[in-house]
Structures are given as C-alpha cells and as structure tokens.
Protein backbone atom coordinates (compact mmCIF):
# COMPACT_ATOMS: atom_id res chain seq x y z
CA MET A 1 106.19 110.25 120.22
CA ILE A 2 107.13 112.43 117.26
CA PHE A 3 106.60 116.14 117.58
CA TYR A 4 106.14 117.84 114.23
CA GLN A 5 107.15 121.44 113.67
CA SER A 6 104.48 121.67 111.01
CA GLU A 7 100.96 120.28 110.71
CA VAL A 8 101.53 120.16 106.92
CA LEU A 9 104.57 117.89 107.31
CA TYR A 10 102.59 115.64 109.67
CA LYS A 11 99.77 115.28 107.14
CA GLU A 12 102.24 114.65 104.30
CA ASP A 13 103.93 111.89 106.34
CA ILE A 14 100.63 110.18 107.16
CA SER A 15 99.47 110.40 103.53
CA HIS A 16 102.76 108.98 102.24
CA MET A 17 102.98 106.14 104.78
CA THR A 18 99.43 105.00 104.03
CA SER A 19 99.65 105.32 100.24
CA GLY A 20 101.01 101.86 99.48
CA MET A 21 102.69 98.75 100.76
CA SER A 22 105.11 98.78 103.69
CA LEU A 23 107.86 96.49 104.87
CA ILE A 24 108.16 95.90 108.59
CA LEU A 25 111.44 94.75 110.10
CA ALA A 26 111.72 92.64 113.23
CA LEU A 27 115.14 93.32 114.73
CA TYR A 28 117.06 90.90 116.90
CA ARG A 29 120.42 91.90 118.31
CA GLU A 30 121.79 93.91 121.17
CA ASN A 31 120.95 97.61 120.64
CA ALA A 32 119.18 96.69 117.39
CA VAL A 33 117.00 99.80 117.24
CA LYS A 34 119.94 102.15 117.80
CA LYS A 35 121.92 100.36 115.10
CA LEU A 36 119.02 100.68 112.65
CA LEU A 37 118.53 104.37 113.42
CA ASP A 38 122.27 104.93 112.94
CA LEU A 39 122.07 103.25 109.53
CA LEU A 40 119.05 105.33 108.52
CA GLY A 41 120.62 108.68 109.35
CA PRO A 42 118.77 112.02 109.61
CA GLU A 43 115.13 112.22 108.49
CA ASP A 44 116.06 114.75 105.80
CA SER A 45 117.55 112.73 102.94
CA LYS A 46 119.61 115.71 101.74
CA GLN A 47 121.24 116.00 105.16
CA ALA A 48 121.86 112.25 105.19
CA LYS A 49 123.60 112.40 101.79
CA GLN A 50 125.87 115.21 102.97
CA LEU A 51 126.67 113.45 106.24
CA ASP A 52 127.49 110.03 104.75
CA PRO A 53 126.68 108.74 101.23
CA PHE A 54 125.99 105.26 102.63
CA LEU A 55 123.22 106.21 105.06
CA TRP A 56 120.02 104.53 103.89
CA ARG A 57 117.90 107.69 103.81
CA GLY A 58 120.61 109.40 101.79
CA MET A 59 120.70 106.53 99.31
CA TYR A 60 116.95 105.93 98.91
CA GLY A 61 115.19 109.10 100.06
CA THR A 62 114.20 112.05 97.89
CA SER A 63 112.82 114.52 100.47
CA ILE A 64 112.02 114.86 104.15
CA THR A 65 108.61 113.22 103.55
CA HIS A 66 109.75 110.64 100.99
CA ASN A 67 112.86 109.70 102.92
CA GLY A 68 112.84 105.99 102.12
CA PHE A 69 112.51 104.76 105.70
CA TYR A 70 110.57 105.48 108.85
CA GLY A 71 112.10 104.45 112.14
CA GLU A 72 111.38 105.44 115.68
CA TYR A 73 112.45 104.48 119.16
CA TYR A 74 110.05 104.54 122.10
CA ILE A 75 111.22 104.34 125.68
C-alpha cells in the first residue's frame, strides 16, 4: 500500500492515472518486479534524472505526478 505524505498528491495521482489510456505489463522472469522498479527509478522524475539519465522515469517523466510510469510491489 502506498502512503502519501499529501492528500493533494494522492488526488493528483488518481486524476492523472484515470485521465486516459494505460498500458499494463505482465512480467515473467526471476525477480521481475524488482528489475522493473530498478529500471523505473525514484518516483520523482527530477531525482531519477540526477541519479541516472537512463532511468525510465527520468527519461519520460516531467514531475512527481506525471512521472511516466507507475509501479508498485505488494508482499
């Protein structure tokens, strides 16, 4: 479960994720979810760009809400 520091950010995320089409990935490999989350990088696209220019959120995201990708791991 995601815990938001801000109710505003939560509402912005929900609004953005329901505003258009989505692509869902079905992953198949050992540790597939961890590998995907490693490729995505931090949720903040600015942080991702600074950390590594090839992280997907750094390449395609524009803000913490419009970060290009949403990925989560549930245990």
